[in-house]
Amino acid sequence: MVSLNQYMSQYDHEHTNPWNKVLHGIGIPMILAGIVLLALTHWRIGLSLFIGGWILLFAGHRIEGNKPAFFQGVVYFLVGPVWIAKEIKDSCAAPLRLLSRRTHDRSDS
């Protein structure tokens, strides 16, 4: 059985272009928000977000030069949001680690 770490590693391997990552970082939340709004009967806004998000994802894959991961299996519909959450967490944590390191270095002086 394939683990989440293996799926995440494969997804990460197929999303290396910075522009593709940015487009996924915007597109995946748009798709999720669109689904929620569709469920809450705000269908016009929800549908617009849903379609716009997919356009961004396909544009990212055109830039990257590969096919979306979900062509390999439907599980990637779930891996994508987890991957983008990890990317956002890592992006936010990096400046905090740098700040912590600088503060630690100053206290040693």
C-alpha atoms as a PDB file:
ATOM      1  CA  MET A   1       0.000   0.000   0.000  1.00  0.00           C
ATOM      2  CA  VAL A   2       1.303   3.444  -0.945  1.00  0.00           C
ATOM      3  CA  SER A   3       1.775   5.909   1.917  1.00  0.00           C
ATOM      4  CA  LEU A   4       0.856   9.589   1.979  1.00  0.00           C
ATOM      5  CA  ASN A   5       4.590  10.420   2.041  1.00  0.00           C
ATOM      6  CA  GLN A   6       5.087   8.516  -1.214  1.00  0.00           C
ATOM      7  CA  TYR A   7       2.168  10.328  -2.858  1.00  0.00           C
ATOM      8  CA  MET A   8       3.474  13.669  -1.591  1.00  0.00           C
ATOM      9  CA  SER A   9       6.977  12.895  -2.857  1.00  0.00           C
ATOM     10  CA  GLN A  10       5.643  12.003  -6.307  1.00  0.00           C
ATOM     11  CA  TYR A  11       3.454  15.139  -6.365  1.00  0.00           C
ATOM     12  CA  ASP A  12       6.408  17.277  -5.292  1.00  0.00           C
ATOM     13  CA  HIS A  13       8.570  15.727  -8.029  1.00  0.00           C
ATOM     14  CA  GLU A  14       6.002  16.760 -10.663  1.00  0.00           C
ATOM     15  CA  HIS A  15       5.620  20.323  -9.363  1.00  0.00           C
ATOM     16  CA  THR A  16       9.074  21.885  -9.408  1.00  0.00           C
ATOM     17  CA  ASN A  17       8.573  24.994 -11.549  1.00  0.00           C
ATOM     18  CA  PRO A  18       8.087  28.058  -9.289  1.00  0.00           C
ATOM     19  CA  TRP A  19       5.310  29.443 -11.514  1.00  0.00           C
ATOM     20  CA  ASN A  20       3.469  26.141 -11.422  1.00  0.00           C
ATOM     21  CA  LYS A  21       3.709  26.177  -7.632  1.00  0.00           C
ATOM     22  CA  VAL A  22       2.344  29.745  -7.488  1.00  0.00           C
ATOM     23  CA  LEU A  23      -0.516  28.885  -9.824  1.00  0.00           C
ATOM     24  CA  HIS A  24      -1.328  25.800  -7.737  1.00  0.00           C
ATOM     25  CA  GLY A  25      -1.096  27.886  -4.565  1.00  0.00           C
ATOM     26  CA  ILE A  26      -3.822  30.145  -5.934  1.00  0.00           C
ATOM     27  CA  GLY A  27      -5.805  27.624  -8.009  1.00  0.00           C
ATOM     28  CA  ILE A  28      -6.297  24.837  -5.451  1.00  0.00           C
ATOM     29  CA  PRO A  29      -7.779  27.152  -2.776  1.00  0.00           C
ATOM     30  CA  MET A  30      -9.981  28.710  -5.484  1.00  0.00           C
ATOM     31  CA  ILE A  31     -11.310  25.270  -6.429  1.00  0.00           C
ATOM     32  CA  LEU A  32     -11.986  24.352  -2.797  1.00  0.00           C
ATOM     33  CA  ALA A  33     -13.708  27.691  -2.123  1.00  0.00           C
ATOM     34  CA  GLY A  34     -15.719  27.209  -5.298  1.00  0.00           C
ATOM     35  CA  ILE A  35     -16.930  23.794  -4.139  1.00  0.00           C
ATOM     36  CA  VAL A  36     -17.957  25.221  -0.757  1.00  0.00           C
ATOM     37  CA  LEU A  37     -19.793  28.138  -2.367  1.00  0.00           C
ATOM     38  CA  LEU A  38     -21.522  25.811  -4.818  1.00  0.00           C
ATOM     39  CA  ALA A  39     -22.737  23.767  -1.847  1.00  0.00           C
ATOM     40  CA  LEU A  40     -24.000  26.921  -0.121  1.00  0.00           C
ATOM     41  CA  THR A  41     -26.073  27.916  -3.177  1.00  0.00           C
ATOM     42  CA  HIS A  42     -23.804  30.795  -4.194  1.00  0.00           C
ATOM     43  CA  TRP A  43     -23.484  28.927  -7.455  1.00  0.00           C
ATOM     44  CA  ARG A  44     -22.360  31.743  -9.767  1.00  0.00           C
ATOM     45  CA  ILE A  45     -19.419  32.754  -7.591  1.00  0.00           C
ATOM     46  CA  GLY A  46     -18.672  29.131  -6.740  1.00  0.00           C
ATOM     47  CA  LEU A  47     -18.704  28.050 -10.359  1.00  0.00           C
ATOM     48  CA  SER A  48     -16.488  30.983 -11.362  1.00  0.00           C
ATOM     49  CA  LEU A  49     -13.931  30.149  -8.673  1.00  0.00           C
ATOM     50  CA  PHE A  50     -14.054  26.456  -9.521  1.00  0.00           C
ATOM     51  CA  ILE A  51     -13.480  26.998 -13.247  1.00  0.00           C
ATOM     52  CA  GLY A  52     -10.897  29.753 -12.686  1.00  0.00           C
ATOM     53  CA  GLY A  53      -8.951  27.522 -10.316  1.00  0.00           C
ATOM     54  CA  TRP A  54      -8.814  24.712 -12.862  1.00  0.00           C
ATOM     55  CA  ILE A  55      -7.654  27.133 -15.542  1.00  0.00           C
ATOM     56  CA  LEU A  56      -4.762  28.165 -13.280  1.00  0.00           C
ATOM     57  CA  LEU A  57      -3.827  24.530 -12.597  1.00  0.00           C
ATOM     58  CA  PHE A  58      -3.806  23.608 -16.275  1.00  0.00           C
ATOM     59  CA  ALA A  59      -1.807  26.756 -17.083  1.00  0.00           C
ATOM     60  CA  GLY A  60       0.747  25.716 -14.455  1.00  0.00           C
ATOM     61  CA  HIS A  61       1.065  22.275 -15.982  1.00  0.00           C
ATOM     62  CA  ARG A  62       1.479  23.772 -19.437  1.00  0.00           C
ATOM     63  CA  ILE A  63       4.366  25.848 -18.044  1.00  0.00           C
ATOM     64  CA  GLU A  64       5.814  22.798 -16.256  1.00  0.00           C
ATOM     65  CA  GLY A  65       5.405  20.651 -19.358  1.00  0.00           C
ATOM     66  CA  ASN A  66       3.617  17.728 -17.739  1.00  0.00           C
ATOM     67  CA  LYS A  67       0.122  16.369 -17.172  1.00  0.00           C
ATOM     68  CA  PRO A  68      -1.797  16.938 -13.931  1.00  0.00           C
ATOM     69  CA  ALA A  69      -1.133  14.232 -11.343  1.00  0.00           C
ATOM     70  CA  PHE A  70      -4.791  13.195 -11.137  1.00  0.00           C
ATOM     71  CA  PHE A  71      -4.356  11.482 -14.527  1.00  0.00           C
ATOM     72  CA  GLN A  72      -2.311   8.913 -12.557  1.00  0.00           C
ATOM     73  CA  GLY A  73      -5.097   8.330 -10.046  1.00  0.00           C
ATOM     74  CA  VAL A  74      -8.012  10.051  -8.358  1.00  0.00           C
ATOM     75  CA  VAL A  75      -6.162  10.007  -5.026  1.00  0.00           C
ATOM     76  CA  TYR A  76      -4.230  13.044  -6.280  1.00  0.00           C
ATOM     77  CA  PHE A  77      -7.427  15.100  -5.969  1.00  0.00           C
ATOM     78  CA  LEU A  78      -6.828  14.731  -2.219  1.00  0.00           C
ATOM     79  CA  VAL A  79      -3.024  14.912  -2.322  1.00  0.00           C
ATOM     80  CA  GLY A  80      -3.051  18.314  -4.088  1.00  0.00           C
ATOM     81  CA  PRO A  81      -4.707  20.253  -1.243  1.00  0.00           C
ATOM     82  CA  VAL A  82      -2.489  18.547   1.349  1.00  0.00           C
ATOM     83  CA  TRP A  83       0.608  19.346  -0.731  1.00  0.00           C
ATOM     84  CA  ILE A  84      -0.320  23.010  -1.132  1.00  0.00           C
ATOM     85  CA  ALA A  85      -1.018  23.300   2.614  1.00  0.00           C
ATOM     86  CA  LYS A  86       2.478  21.884   3.260  1.00  0.00           C
ATOM     87  CA  GLU A  87       4.017  24.316   0.752  1.00  0.00           C
ATOM     88  CA  ILE A  88       2.292  27.269   2.429  1.00  0.00           C
ATOM     89  CA  LYS A  89       3.346  26.053   5.889  1.00  0.00           C
ATOM     90  CA  ASP A  90       6.943  25.630   4.733  1.00  0.00           C
ATOM     91  CA  SER A  91       6.950  29.080   3.109  1.00  0.00           C
ATOM     92  CA  CYS A  92       5.684  30.695   6.310  1.00  0.00           C
ATOM     93  CA  ALA A  93       8.025  28.726   8.561  1.00  0.00           C
ATOM     94  CA  ALA A  94      11.210  29.591   6.640  1.00  0.00           C
ATOM     95  CA  PRO A  95      11.283  33.300   7.625  1.00  0.00           C
ATOM     96  CA  LEU A  96      10.536  32.355  11.237  1.00  0.00           C
ATOM     97  CA  ARG A  97      13.494  29.934  11.288  1.00  0.00           C
ATOM     98  CA  LEU A  98      15.734  32.641   9.820  1.00  0.00           C
ATOM     99  CA  LEU A  99      14.561  35.183  12.389  1.00  0.00           C
ATOM    100  CA  SER A 100      15.086  32.683  15.202  1.00  0.00           C
ATOM    101  CA  ARG A 101      18.602  31.925  13.949  1.00  0.00           C
ATOM    102  CA  ARG A 102      19.487  35.628  13.784  1.00  0.00           C
ATOM    103  CA  THR A 103      18.149  36.256  17.281  1.00  0.00           C
ATOM    104  CA  HIS A 104      20.123  33.251  18.580  1.00  0.00           C
ATOM    105  CA  ASP A 105      23.322  34.458  16.850  1.00  0.00           C
ATOM    106  CA  ARG A 106      22.996  37.942  18.401  1.00  0.00           C
ATOM    107  CA  SER A 107      22.551  36.530  21.875  1.00  0.00           C
ATOM    108  CA  ASP A 108      25.764  34.526  21.486  1.00  0.00           C
ATOM    109  CA  SER A 109      27.790  37.660  20.628  1.00  0.00           C
END
